[in-house]
PDB file of N, CA and C in Angstrom:
ATOM      1  N   MET A   1      10.171 -20.168 -49.199  1.00  0.00           N
ATOM      2  CA  MET A   1      10.676 -20.548 -47.895  1.00  0.00           C
ATOM      3  C   MET A   1       9.578 -20.296 -46.847  1.00  0.00           C
ATOM      4  N   PRO A   2       9.129 -21.329 -46.162  1.00  0.00           N
ATOM      5  CA  PRO A   2       8.050 -21.162 -45.196  1.00  0.00           C
ATOM      6  C   PRO A   2       8.538 -20.405 -43.949  1.00  0.00           C
ATOM      7  N   ALA A   3       7.673 -19.579 -43.430  1.00  0.00           N
ATOM      8  CA  ALA A   3       8.009 -18.829 -42.211  1.00  0.00           C
ATOM      9  C   ALA A   3       7.942 -19.774 -41.018  1.00  0.00           C
ATOM     10  N   THR A   4       8.969 -19.766 -40.220  1.00  0.00           N
ATOM     11  CA  THR A   4       8.982 -20.615 -39.029  1.00  0.00           C
ATOM     12  C   THR A   4       8.471 -19.811 -37.843  1.00  0.00           C
ATOM     13  N   LYS A   5       7.677 -20.448 -37.042  1.00  0.00           N
ATOM     14  CA  LYS A   5       7.163 -19.777 -35.859  1.00  0.00           C
ATOM     15  C   LYS A   5       8.190 -19.875 -34.739  1.00  0.00           C
ATOM     16  N   ARG A   6       8.438 -18.753 -34.149  1.00  0.00           N
ATOM     17  CA  ARG A   6       9.315 -18.746 -32.986  1.00  0.00           C
ATOM     18  C   ARG A   6       8.457 -18.881 -31.734  1.00  0.00           C
ATOM     19  N   PRO A   7       8.983 -19.534 -30.727  1.00  0.00           N
ATOM     20  CA  PRO A   7       8.206 -19.626 -29.488  1.00  0.00           C
ATOM     21  C   PRO A   7       8.045 -18.226 -28.882  1.00  0.00           C
ATOM     22  N   LEU A   8       6.911 -17.992 -28.246  1.00  0.00           N
ATOM     23  CA  LEU A   8       6.675 -16.708 -27.613  1.00  0.00           C
ATOM     24  C   LEU A   8       7.626 -16.514 -26.444  1.00  0.00           C
ATOM     25  N   ARG A   9       8.111 -15.301 -26.333  1.00  0.00           N
ATOM     26  CA  ARG A   9       8.989 -14.983 -25.206  1.00  0.00           C
ATOM     27  C   ARG A   9       8.152 -14.852 -23.940  1.00  0.00           C
ATOM     28  N   PRO A  10       8.669 -15.326 -22.826  1.00  0.00           N
ATOM     29  CA  PRO A  10       7.912 -15.157 -21.584  1.00  0.00           C
ATOM     30  C   PRO A  10       7.821 -13.659 -21.245  1.00  0.00           C
ATOM     31  N   LYS A  11       6.711 -13.264 -20.672  1.00  0.00           N
ATOM     32  CA  LYS A  11       6.490 -11.869 -20.330  1.00  0.00           C
ATOM     33  C   LYS A  11       7.470 -11.434 -19.243  1.00  0.00           C
ATOM     34  N   HIS A  12       8.044 -10.260 -19.422  1.00  0.00           N
ATOM     35  CA  HIS A  12       8.989  -9.716 -18.451  1.00  0.00           C
ATOM     36  C   HIS A  12       8.250  -9.331 -17.165  1.00  0.00           C
ATOM     37  N   VAL A  13       8.763  -9.787 -16.039  1.00  0.00           N
ATOM     38  CA  VAL A  13       8.175  -9.471 -14.746  1.00  0.00           C
ATOM     39  C   VAL A  13       9.173  -8.604 -13.988  1.00  0.00           C
ATOM     40  N   PRO A  14       8.838  -7.327 -13.751  1.00  0.00           N
ATOM     41  CA  PRO A  14       9.775  -6.464 -13.030  1.00  0.00           C
ATOM     42  C   PRO A  14       9.964  -6.936 -11.589  1.00  0.00           C
ATOM     43  N   LEU A  15      11.201  -6.933 -11.135  1.00  0.00           N
ATOM     44  CA  LEU A  15      11.536  -7.362  -9.779  1.00  0.00           C
ATOM     45  C   LEU A  15      11.918  -6.150  -8.935  1.00  0.00           C
ATOM     46  N   ARG A  16      11.582  -6.202  -7.665  1.00  0.00           N
ATOM     47  CA  ARG A  16      11.942  -5.157  -6.719  1.00  0.00           C
ATOM     48  C   ARG A  16      12.418  -5.820  -5.433  1.00  0.00           C
ATOM     49  N   THR A  17      13.185  -5.075  -4.635  1.00  0.00           N
ATOM     50  CA  THR A  17      13.733  -5.585  -3.386  1.00  0.00           C
ATOM     51  C   THR A  17      13.040  -4.929  -2.202  1.00  0.00           C
ATOM     52  N   CYS A  18      12.601  -5.736  -1.259  1.00  0.00           N
ATOM     53  CA  CYS A  18      12.003  -5.232  -0.023  1.00  0.00           C
ATOM     54  C   CYS A  18      13.109  -4.577   0.799  1.00  0.00           C
ATOM     55  N   ILE A  19      12.888  -3.337   1.252  1.00  0.00           N
ATOM     56  CA  ILE A  19      13.937  -2.634   1.990  1.00  0.00           C
ATOM     57  C   ILE A  19      14.136  -3.192   3.387  1.00  0.00           C
ATOM     58  N   ALA A  20      13.173  -3.951   3.899  1.00  0.00           N
ATOM     59  CA  ALA A  20      13.285  -4.498   5.246  1.00  0.00           C
ATOM     60  C   ALA A  20      14.027  -5.821   5.280  1.00  0.00           C
ATOM     61  N   CYS A  21      13.600  -6.787   4.468  1.00  0.00           N
ATOM     62  CA  CYS A  21      14.199  -8.126   4.520  1.00  0.00           C
ATOM     63  C   CYS A  21      15.170  -8.386   3.376  1.00  0.00           C
ATOM     64  N   ARG A  22      15.288  -7.446   2.439  1.00  0.00           N
ATOM     65  CA  ARG A  22      16.248  -7.488   1.331  1.00  0.00           C
ATOM     66  C   ARG A  22      16.043  -8.672   0.382  1.00  0.00           C
ATOM     67  N   THR A  23      14.831  -9.175   0.276  1.00  0.00           N
ATOM     68  CA  THR A  23      14.559 -10.244  -0.677  1.00  0.00           C
ATOM     69  C   THR A  23      13.919  -9.651  -1.930  1.00  0.00           C
ATOM     70  N   THR A  24      14.198 -10.268  -3.055  1.00  0.00           N
ATOM     71  CA  THR A  24      13.688  -9.805  -4.335  1.00  0.00           C
ATOM     72  C   THR A  24      12.415 -10.553  -4.685  1.00  0.00           C
ATOM     73  N   GLU A  25      11.440  -9.825  -5.173  1.00  0.00           N
ATOM     74  CA  GLU A  25      10.153 -10.413  -5.527  1.00  0.00           C
ATOM     75  C   GLU A  25       9.546  -9.609  -6.672  1.00  0.00           C
ATOM     76  N   ALA A  26       8.515 -10.149  -7.292  1.00  0.00           N
ATOM     77  CA  ALA A  26       7.809  -9.423  -8.341  1.00  0.00           C
ATOM     78  C   ALA A  26       7.254  -8.113  -7.775  1.00  0.00           C
ATOM     79  N   LYS A  27       7.300  -7.092  -8.596  1.00  0.00           N
ATOM     80  CA  LYS A  27       6.861  -5.764  -8.188  1.00  0.00           C
ATOM     81  C   LYS A  27       5.443  -5.768  -7.623  1.00  0.00           C
ATOM     82  N   ARG A  28       4.563  -6.569  -8.197  1.00  0.00           N
ATOM     83  CA  ARG A  28       3.166  -6.630  -7.761  1.00  0.00           C
ATOM     84  C   ARG A  28       3.005  -7.236  -6.373  1.00  0.00           C
ATOM     85  N   GLY A  29       3.994  -7.966  -5.888  1.00  0.00           N
ATOM     86  CA  GLY A  29       3.911  -8.591  -4.576  1.00  0.00           C
ATOM     87  C   GLY A  29       4.377  -7.696  -3.447  1.00  0.00           C
ATOM     88  N   LEU A  30       4.762  -6.469  -3.770  1.00  0.00           N
ATOM     89  CA  LEU A  30       5.260  -5.527  -2.772  1.00  0.00           C
ATOM     90  C   LEU A  30       4.409  -4.259  -2.790  1.00  0.00           C
ATOM     91  N   VAL A  31       4.482  -3.489  -1.719  1.00  0.00           N
ATOM     92  CA  VAL A  31       3.781  -2.216  -1.627  1.00  0.00           C
ATOM     93  C   VAL A  31       4.810  -1.100  -1.808  1.00  0.00           C
ATOM     94  N   ARG A  32       4.474  -0.130  -2.646  1.00  0.00           N
ATOM     95  CA  ARG A  32       5.381   0.997  -2.875  1.00  0.00           C
ATOM     96  C   ARG A  32       5.044   2.119  -1.905  1.00  0.00           C
ATOM     97  N   VAL A  33       6.081   2.675  -1.312  1.00  0.00           N
ATOM     98  CA  VAL A  33       5.954   3.855  -0.469  1.00  0.00           C
ATOM     99  C   VAL A  33       6.723   4.944  -1.203  1.00  0.00           C
ATOM    100  N   VAL A  34       6.131   6.112  -1.322  1.00  0.00           N
ATOM    101  CA  VAL A  34       6.729   7.156  -2.147  1.00  0.00           C
ATOM    102  C   VAL A  34       6.946   8.438  -1.341  1.00  0.00           C
ATOM    103  N   ARG A  35       8.069   9.107  -1.628  1.00  0.00           N
ATOM    104  CA  ARG A  35       8.314  10.460  -1.119  1.00  0.00           C
ATOM    105  C   ARG A  35       7.870  11.404  -2.218  1.00  0.00           C
ATOM    106  N   THR A  36       6.862  12.179  -1.951  1.00  0.00           N
ATOM    107  CA  THR A  36       6.319  13.078  -2.963  1.00  0.00           C
ATOM    108  C   THR A  36       7.261  14.272  -3.151  1.00  0.00           C
ATOM    109  N   PRO A  37       7.104  15.004  -4.247  1.00  0.00           N
ATOM    110  CA  PRO A  37       7.924  16.206  -4.445  1.00  0.00           C
ATOM    111  C   PRO A  37       7.753  17.238  -3.327  1.00  0.00           C
ATOM    112  N   GLU A  38       6.621  17.195  -2.623  1.00  0.00           N
ATOM    113  CA  GLU A  38       6.395  18.118  -1.502  1.00  0.00           C
ATOM    114  C   GLU A  38       7.073  17.652  -0.220  1.00  0.00           C
ATOM    115  N   GLY A  39       7.664  16.452  -0.208  1.00  0.00           N
ATOM    116  CA  GLY A  39       8.358  15.931   0.968  1.00  0.00           C
ATOM    117  C   GLY A  39       7.510  15.033   1.843  1.00  0.00           C
ATOM    118  N   ARG A  40       6.270  14.749   1.443  1.00  0.00           N
ATOM    119  CA  ARG A  40       5.407  13.849   2.196  1.00  0.00           C
ATOM    120  C   ARG A  40       5.765  12.410   1.881  1.00  0.00           C
ATOM    121  N   VAL A  41       5.468  11.499   2.789  1.00  0.00           N
ATOM    122  CA  VAL A  41       5.694  10.068   2.579  1.00  0.00           C
ATOM    123  C   VAL A  41       4.324   9.398   2.600  1.00  0.00           C
ATOM    124  N   GLU A  42       3.982   8.719   1.493  1.00  0.00           N
ATOM    125  CA  GLU A  42       2.650   8.136   1.344  1.00  0.00           C
ATOM    126  C   GLU A  42       2.728   6.734   0.772  1.00  0.00           C
ATOM    127  N   LEU A  43       1.679   5.943   1.020  1.00  0.00           N
ATOM    128  CA  LEU A  43       1.531   4.651   0.356  1.00  0.00           C
ATOM    129  C   LEU A  43       1.126   4.906  -1.087  1.00  0.00           C
ATOM    130  N   ASP A  44       1.633   4.095  -1.982  1.00  0.00           N
ATOM    131  CA  ASP A  44       1.314   4.234  -3.399  1.00  0.00           C
ATOM    132  C   ASP A  44       0.807   2.895  -3.921  1.00  0.00           C
ATOM    133  N   PRO A  45      -0.485   2.607  -3.725  1.00  0.00           N
ATOM    134  CA  PRO A  45      -1.004   1.300  -4.148  1.00  0.00           C
ATOM    135  C   PRO A  45      -0.950   1.070  -5.652  1.00  0.00           C
ATOM    136  N   THR A  46      -0.982   2.139  -6.447  1.00  0.00           N
ATOM    137  CA  THR A  46      -0.940   1.976  -7.902  1.00  0.00           C
ATOM    138  C   THR A  46       0.479   1.849  -8.420  1.00  0.00           C
ATOM    139  N   GLY A  47       1.458   2.343  -7.657  1.00  0.00           N
ATOM    140  CA  GLY A  47       2.850   2.304  -8.100  1.00  0.00           C
ATOM    141  C   GLY A  47       3.164   3.341  -9.158  1.00  0.00           C
ATOM    142  N   LYS A  48       2.312   4.358  -9.281  1.00  0.00           N
ATOM    143  CA  LYS A  48       2.490   5.341 -10.349  1.00  0.00           C
ATOM    144  C   LYS A  48       2.648   6.780  -9.879  1.00  0.00           C
ATOM    145  N   HIS A  49       2.624   7.022  -8.577  1.00  0.00           N
ATOM    146  CA  HIS A  49       2.790   8.397  -8.105  1.00  0.00           C
ATOM    147  C   HIS A  49       4.191   8.905  -8.408  1.00  0.00           C
ATOM    148  N   ASN A  50       4.292  10.212  -8.616  1.00  0.00           N
ATOM    149  CA  ASN A  50       5.597  10.824  -8.831  1.00  0.00           C
ATOM    150  C   ASN A  50       6.371  10.855  -7.521  1.00  0.00           C
ATOM    151  N   GLY A  51       7.671  10.685  -7.611  1.00  0.00           N
ATOM    152  CA  GLY A  51       8.521  10.785  -6.435  1.00  0.00           C
ATOM    153  C   GLY A  51       9.402   9.564  -6.273  1.00  0.00           C
ATOM    154  N   ARG A  52      10.288   9.649  -5.296  1.00  0.00           N
ATOM    155  CA  ARG A  52      11.212   8.557  -5.010  1.00  0.00           C
ATOM    156  C   ARG A  52      10.462   7.446  -4.275  1.00  0.00           C
ATOM    157  N   GLY A  53      10.621   6.212  -4.721  1.00  0.00           N
ATOM    158  CA  GLY A  53       9.872   5.113  -4.139  1.00  0.00           C
ATOM    159  C   GLY A  53      10.742   4.066  -3.483  1.00  0.00           C
ATOM    160  N   ALA A  54      10.146   3.327  -2.574  1.00  0.00           N
ATOM    161  CA  ALA A  54      10.784   2.184  -1.918  1.00  0.00           C
ATOM    162  C   ALA A  54       9.705   1.109  -1.775  1.00  0.00           C
ATOM    163  N   TYR A  55      10.125  -0.139  -1.726  1.00  0.00           N
ATOM    164  CA  TYR A  55       9.177  -1.259  -1.697  1.00  0.00           C
ATOM    165  C   TYR A  55       9.308  -2.067  -0.413  1.00  0.00           C
ATOM    166  N   VAL A  56       8.143  -2.487   0.118  1.00  0.00           N
ATOM    167  CA  VAL A  56       8.087  -3.269   1.356  1.00  0.00           C
ATOM    168  C   VAL A  56       7.061  -4.383   1.156  1.00  0.00           C
ATOM    169  N   HIS A  57       7.376  -5.585   1.684  1.00  0.00           N
ATOM    170  CA  HIS A  57       6.391  -6.677   1.637  1.00  0.00           C
ATOM    171  C   HIS A  57       5.148  -6.291   2.417  1.00  0.00           C
ATOM    172  N   GLU A  58       4.049  -6.885   2.073  1.00  0.00           N
ATOM    173  CA  GLU A  58       2.780  -6.662   2.768  1.00  0.00           C
ATOM    174  C   GLU A  58       2.711  -7.612   3.967  1.00  0.00           C
ATOM    175  N   ALA A  59       3.712  -7.535   4.838  1.00  0.00           N
ATOM    176  CA  ALA A  59       3.784  -8.365   6.048  1.00  0.00           C
ATOM    177  C   ALA A  59       4.199  -7.467   7.212  1.00  0.00           C
ATOM    178  N   ARG A  60       3.593  -7.688   8.342  1.00  0.00           N
ATOM    179  CA  ARG A  60       3.854  -6.834   9.504  1.00  0.00           C
ATOM    180  C   ARG A  60       5.325  -6.834   9.908  1.00  0.00           C
ATOM    181  N   ALA A  61       5.974  -7.987   9.836  1.00  0.00           N
ATOM    182  CA  ALA A  61       7.389  -8.059  10.243  1.00  0.00           C
ATOM    183  C   ALA A  61       8.262  -7.147   9.381  1.00  0.00           C
ATOM    184  N   CYS A  62       8.013  -7.125   8.095  1.00  0.00           N
ATOM    185  CA  CYS A  62       8.803  -6.260   7.209  1.00  0.00           C
ATOM    186  C   CYS A  62       8.523  -4.786   7.488  1.00  0.00           C
ATOM    187  N   TRP A  63       7.257  -4.439   7.716  1.00  0.00           N
ATOM    188  CA  TRP A  63       6.922  -3.048   8.001  1.00  0.00           C
ATOM    189  C   TRP A  63       7.518  -2.590   9.325  1.00  0.00           C
ATOM    190  N   GLU A  64       7.460  -3.459  10.328  1.00  0.00           N
ATOM    191  CA  GLU A  64       8.047  -3.083  11.622  1.00  0.00           C
ATOM    192  C   GLU A  64       9.544  -2.861  11.494  1.00  0.00           C
ATOM    193  N   ALA A  65      10.224  -3.733  10.757  1.00  0.00           N
ATOM    194  CA  ALA A  65      11.668  -3.567  10.557  1.00  0.00           C
ATOM    195  C   ALA A  65      11.974  -2.300   9.771  1.00  0.00           C
ATOM    196  N   ALA A  66      11.188  -2.016   8.758  1.00  0.00           N
ATOM    197  CA  ALA A  66      11.421  -0.827   7.928  1.00  0.00           C
ATOM    198  C   ALA A  66      11.213   0.455   8.724  1.00  0.00           C
ATOM    199  N   LEU A  67      10.228   0.467   9.604  1.00  0.00           N
ATOM    200  CA  LEU A  67       9.942   1.670  10.377  1.00  0.00           C
ATOM    201  C   LEU A  67      10.838   1.790  11.607  1.00  0.00           C
ATOM    202  N   LYS A  68      11.103   0.667  12.260  1.00  0.00           N
ATOM    203  CA  LYS A  68      11.883   0.694  13.498  1.00  0.00           C
ATOM    204  C   LYS A  68      13.341   1.082  13.252  1.00  0.00           C
ATOM    205  N   ARG A  69      13.920   0.539  12.231  1.00  0.00           N
ATOM    206  CA  ARG A  69      15.339   0.784  11.946  1.00  0.00           C
ATOM    207  C   ARG A  69      15.550   1.955  10.988  1.00  0.00           C
ATOM    208  N   ASP A  70      14.498   2.705  10.708  1.00  0.00           N
ATOM    209  CA  ASP A  70      14.527   3.860   9.802  1.00  0.00           C
ATOM    210  C   ASP A  70      15.043   3.508   8.408  1.00  0.00           C
ATOM    211  N   ARG A  71      14.815   2.279   8.000  1.00  0.00           N
ATOM    212  CA  ARG A  71      15.225   1.892   6.646  1.00  0.00           C
ATOM    213  C   ARG A  71      14.391   2.613   5.600  1.00  0.00           C
ATOM    214  N   LEU A  72      13.154   2.886   5.941  1.00  0.00           N
ATOM    215  CA  LEU A  72      12.282   3.575   5.002  1.00  0.00           C
ATOM    216  C   LEU A  72      12.768   5.012   4.775  1.00  0.00           C
ATOM    217  N   GLY A  73      13.081   5.706   5.838  1.00  0.00           N
ATOM    218  CA  GLY A  73      13.596   7.073   5.714  1.00  0.00           C
ATOM    219  C   GLY A  73      14.914   7.119   4.962  1.00  0.00           C
ATOM    220  N   HIS A  74      15.756   6.142   5.208  1.00  0.00           N
ATOM    221  CA  HIS A  74      17.052   6.082   4.520  1.00  0.00           C
ATOM    222  C   HIS A  74      16.857   5.815   3.024  1.00  0.00           C
ATOM    223  N   ALA A  75      15.974   4.891   2.682  1.00  0.00           N
ATOM    224  CA  ALA A  75      15.730   4.563   1.274  1.00  0.00           C
ATOM    225  C   ALA A  75      15.100   5.733   0.525  1.00  0.00           C
ATOM    226  N   LEU A  76      14.241   6.475   1.210  1.00  0.00           N
ATOM    227  CA  LEU A  76      13.581   7.611   0.571  1.00  0.00           C
ATOM    228  C   LEU A  76      14.389   8.893   0.684  1.00  0.00           C
ATOM    229  N   LYS A  77      15.481   8.843   1.422  1.00  0.00           N
ATOM    230  CA  LYS A  77      16.373   9.995   1.622  1.00  0.00           C
ATOM    231  C   LYS A  77      15.619  11.192   2.185  1.00  0.00           C
ATOM    232  N   VAL A  78      14.884  10.916   3.273  1.00  0.00           N
ATOM    233  CA  VAL A  78      14.107  11.963   3.924  1.00  0.00           C
ATOM    234  C   VAL A  78      13.866  11.578   5.379  1.00  0.00           C
ATOM    235  N   ALA A  79      13.750  12.597   6.238  1.00  0.00           N
ATOM    236  CA  ALA A  79      13.301  12.352   7.607  1.00  0.00           C
ATOM    237  C   ALA A  79      11.774  12.318   7.541  1.00  0.00           C
ATOM    238  N   ILE A  80      11.183  11.186   7.878  1.00  0.00           N
ATOM    239  CA  ILE A  80       9.737  11.011   7.716  1.00  0.00           C
ATOM    240  C   ILE A  80       9.002  11.855   8.750  1.00  0.00           C
ATOM    241  N   PRO A  81       8.104  12.751   8.297  1.00  0.00           N
ATOM    242  CA  PRO A  81       7.329  13.573   9.237  1.00  0.00           C
ATOM    243  C   PRO A  81       6.493  12.696  10.176  1.00  0.00           C
ATOM    244  N   ALA A  82       6.243  13.204  11.388  1.00  0.00           N
ATOM    245  CA  ALA A  82       5.545  12.438  12.420  1.00  0.00           C
ATOM    246  C   ALA A  82       4.153  11.991  11.971  1.00  0.00           C
ATOM    247  N   GLU A  83       3.393  12.866  11.317  1.00  0.00           N
ATOM    248  CA  GLU A  83       2.038  12.477  10.912  1.00  0.00           C
ATOM    249  C   GLU A  83       2.072  11.403   9.825  1.00  0.00           C
ATOM    250  N   ASP A  84       3.065  11.451   8.940  1.00  0.00           N
ATOM    251  CA  ASP A  84       3.203  10.403   7.931  1.00  0.00           C
ATOM    252  C   ASP A  84       3.620   9.085   8.580  1.00  0.00           C
ATOM    253  N   MET A  85       4.513   9.174   9.565  1.00  0.00           N
ATOM    254  CA  MET A  85       4.958   7.979  10.286  1.00  0.00           C
ATOM    255  C   MET A  85       3.777   7.324  11.008  1.00  0.00           C
ATOM    256  N   ASP A  86       2.900   8.137  11.579  1.00  0.00           N
ATOM    257  CA  ASP A  86       1.710   7.598  12.254  1.00  0.00           C
ATOM    258  C   ASP A  86       0.815   6.849  11.275  1.00  0.00           C
ATOM    259  N   ARG A  87       0.608   7.402  10.070  1.00  0.00           N
ATOM    260  CA  ARG A  87      -0.211   6.729   9.070  1.00  0.00           C
ATOM    261  C   ARG A  87       0.422   5.416   8.622  1.00  0.00           C
ATOM    262  N   LEU A  88       1.742   5.405   8.475  1.00  0.00           N
ATOM    263  CA  LEU A  88       2.430   4.177   8.070  1.00  0.00           C
ATOM    264  C   LEU A  88       2.353   3.120   9.172  1.00  0.00           C
ATOM    265  N   ARG A  89       2.487   3.544  10.421  1.00  0.00           N
ATOM    266  CA  ARG A  89       2.382   2.601  11.546  1.00  0.00           C
ATOM    267  C   ARG A  89       0.968   2.032  11.650  1.00  0.00           C
ATOM    268  N   THR A  90      -0.032   2.862  11.370  1.00  0.00           N
ATOM    269  CA  THR A  90      -1.424   2.387  11.379  1.00  0.00           C
ATOM    270  C   THR A  90      -1.625   1.339  10.294  1.00  0.00           C
ATOM    271  N   HIS A  91      -1.055   1.580   9.124  1.00  0.00           N
ATOM    272  CA  HIS A  91      -1.138   0.603   8.034  1.00  0.00           C
ATOM    273  C   HIS A  91      -0.457  -0.709   8.443  1.00  0.00           C
ATOM    274  N   ALA A  92       0.728  -0.600   9.048  1.00  0.00           N
ATOM    275  CA  ALA A  92       1.481  -1.788   9.458  1.00  0.00           C
ATOM    276  C   ALA A  92       0.728  -2.582  10.519  1.00  0.00           C
ATOM    277  N   ALA A  93       0.044  -1.894  11.432  1.00  0.00           N
ATOM    278  CA  ALA A  93      -0.682  -2.581  12.500  1.00  0.00           C
ATOM    279  C   ALA A  93      -1.852  -3.396  11.951  1.00  0.00           C
ATOM    280  N   GLY A  94      -2.380  -3.014  10.815  1.00  0.00           N
ATOM    281  CA  GLY A  94      -3.509  -3.721  10.237  1.00  0.00           C
ATOM    282  C   GLY A  94      -3.112  -4.909   9.378  1.00  0.00           C
ATOM    283  N   LEU A  95      -1.831  -5.167   9.243  1.00  0.00           N
ATOM    284  CA  LEU A  95      -1.356  -6.271   8.402  1.00  0.00           C
ATOM    285  C   LEU A  95      -1.290  -7.567   9.190  1.00  0.00           C
ATOM    286  N   PRO A  96      -1.415  -8.702   8.496  1.00  0.00           N
ATOM    287  CA  PRO A  96      -1.301  -9.990   9.189  1.00  0.00           C
ATOM    288  C   PRO A  96       0.141 -10.246   9.609  1.00  0.00           C
ATOM    289  N   ALA A  97       0.303 -10.849  10.766  1.00  0.00           N
ATOM    290  CA  ALA A  97       1.633 -11.246  11.219  1.00  0.00           C
ATOM    291  C   ALA A  97       2.031 -12.490  10.444  1.00  0.00           C
ATOM    292  N   ALA A  98       3.164 -12.431   9.761  1.00  0.00           N
ATOM    293  CA  ALA A  98       3.637 -13.559   8.959  1.00  0.00           C
ATOM    294  C   ALA A  98       4.983 -14.008   9.498  1.00  0.00           C
ATOM    295  N   PRO A  99       5.285 -15.297   9.430  1.00  0.00           N
ATOM    296  CA  PRO A  99       6.591 -15.760   9.879  1.00  0.00           C
ATOM    297  C   PRO A  99       7.698 -15.099   9.068  1.00  0.00           C
ATOM    298  N   ALA A 100       8.828 -14.845   9.701  1.00  0.00           N
ATOM    299  CA  ALA A 100       9.936 -14.136   9.058  1.00  0.00           C
ATOM    300  C   ALA A 100      10.530 -14.909   7.891  1.00  0.00           C
ATOM    301  N   ASP A 101      10.496 -16.247   7.938  1.00  0.00           N
ATOM    302  CA  ASP A 101      11.108 -17.029   6.865  1.00  0.00           C
ATOM    303  C   ASP A 101      10.080 -17.518   5.854  1.00  0.00           C
ATOM    304  N   GLU A 102       8.929 -16.831   5.748  1.00  0.00           N
ATOM    305  CA  GLU A 102       7.906 -17.219   4.776  1.00  0.00           C
ATOM    306  C   GLU A 102       8.472 -17.121   3.364  1.00  0.00           C
ATOM    307  N   GLY A 103       8.340 -18.171   2.586  1.00  0.00           N
ATOM    308  CA  GLY A 103       8.825 -18.155   1.216  1.00  0.00           C
ATOM    309  C   GLY A 103      10.328 -18.266   1.104  1.00  0.00           C
ATOM    310  N   GLN A 104      11.000 -18.723   2.151  1.00  0.00           N
ATOM    311  CA  GLN A 104      12.460 -18.795   2.154  1.00  0.00           C
ATOM    312  C   GLN A 104      12.995 -19.637   1.009  1.00  0.00           C
ATOM    313  N   LYS A 105      12.365 -20.773   0.708  1.00  0.00           N
ATOM    314  CA  LYS A 105      12.841 -21.629  -0.383  1.00  0.00           C
ATOM    315  C   LYS A 105      12.671 -20.952  -1.725  1.00  0.00           C
ATOM    316  N   GLU A 106      11.583 -20.171  -1.891  1.00  0.00           N
ATOM    317  CA  GLU A 106      11.347 -19.478  -3.151  1.00  0.00           C
ATOM    318  C   GLU A 106      12.426 -18.437  -3.414  1.00  0.00           C
ATOM    319  N   ARG A 107      12.924 -17.824  -2.365  1.00  0.00           N
ATOM    320  CA  ARG A 107      13.883 -16.744  -2.522  1.00  0.00           C
ATOM    321  C   ARG A 107      15.327 -17.236  -2.539  1.00  0.00           C
ATOM    322  N   GLY A 108      15.525 -18.529  -2.632  1.00  0.00           N
ATOM    323  CA  GLY A 108      16.882 -19.056  -2.678  1.00  0.00           C
ATOM    324  C   GLY A 108      17.483 -19.278  -1.315  1.00  0.00           C
ATOM    325  N   GLY A 109      16.660 -19.460  -0.328  1.00  0.00           N
ATOM    326  CA  GLY A 109      17.138 -19.668   1.025  1.00  0.00           C
ATOM    327  C   GLY A 109      17.638 -21.108   1.208  1.00  0.00           C
ATOM    328  N   THR A 110      17.523 -21.575   2.429  1.00  0.00           N
ATOM    329  CA  THR A 110      18.010 -22.914   2.727  1.00  0.00           C
ATOM    330  C   THR A 110      17.224 -23.950   1.949  1.00  0.00           C
ATOM    331  N   ASP A 111      17.896 -24.775   1.251  1.00  0.00           N
ATOM    332  CA  ASP A 111      17.285 -25.819   0.455  1.00  0.00           C
ATOM    333  C   ASP A 111      18.137 -27.072   0.649  1.00  0.00           C
ATOM    334  N   ASP A 112      17.548 -28.233   0.559  1.00  0.00           N
ATOM    335  CA  ASP A 112      18.284 -29.465   0.830  1.00  0.00           C
ATOM    336  C   ASP A 112      19.443 -29.683  -0.121  1.00  0.00           C
ATOM    337  N   HIS A 113      19.299 -29.298  -1.376  1.00  0.00           N
ATOM    338  CA  HIS A 113      20.360 -29.581  -2.346  1.00  0.00           C
ATOM    339  C   HIS A 113      21.483 -28.543  -2.312  1.00  0.00           C
ATOM    340  N   GLN A 114      21.418 -27.536  -1.452  1.00  0.00           N
ATOM    341  CA  GLN A 114      22.446 -26.508  -1.408  1.00  0.00           C
ATOM    342  C   GLN A 114      23.506 -26.769  -0.347  1.00  0.00           C
ATOM    343  N   ARG A 115      23.486 -27.897   0.272  1.00  0.00           N
ATOM    344  CA  ARG A 115      24.442 -28.170   1.348  1.00  0.00           C
ATOM    345  C   ARG A 115      25.828 -28.330   0.886  1.00  0.00           C
TER     346      ARG A 115
END
């Protein structure tokens, strides 16, 4: 009996939700912010630091919403220290301003056939 080849399974892509705009995207398309065991809040570019993490798009609008409405502190279950908040705001200020509905069709937003 000849062995039949099965088609290769597509590679699993982990999905995460941006805490600011609540859209789901591939983990690599978001930035992880982590609460360390010491209680500090830091950026985690590798996504491997120990601690509770939250994800935010690399867009100024998402960062402003996450910091302004304290969504980041709520997601990390911590009151963000002032010096950590300053570092996060500095990071957010250096990001490009992107329209709020960028990628809306990709995320299942308004589409012509959904009427």
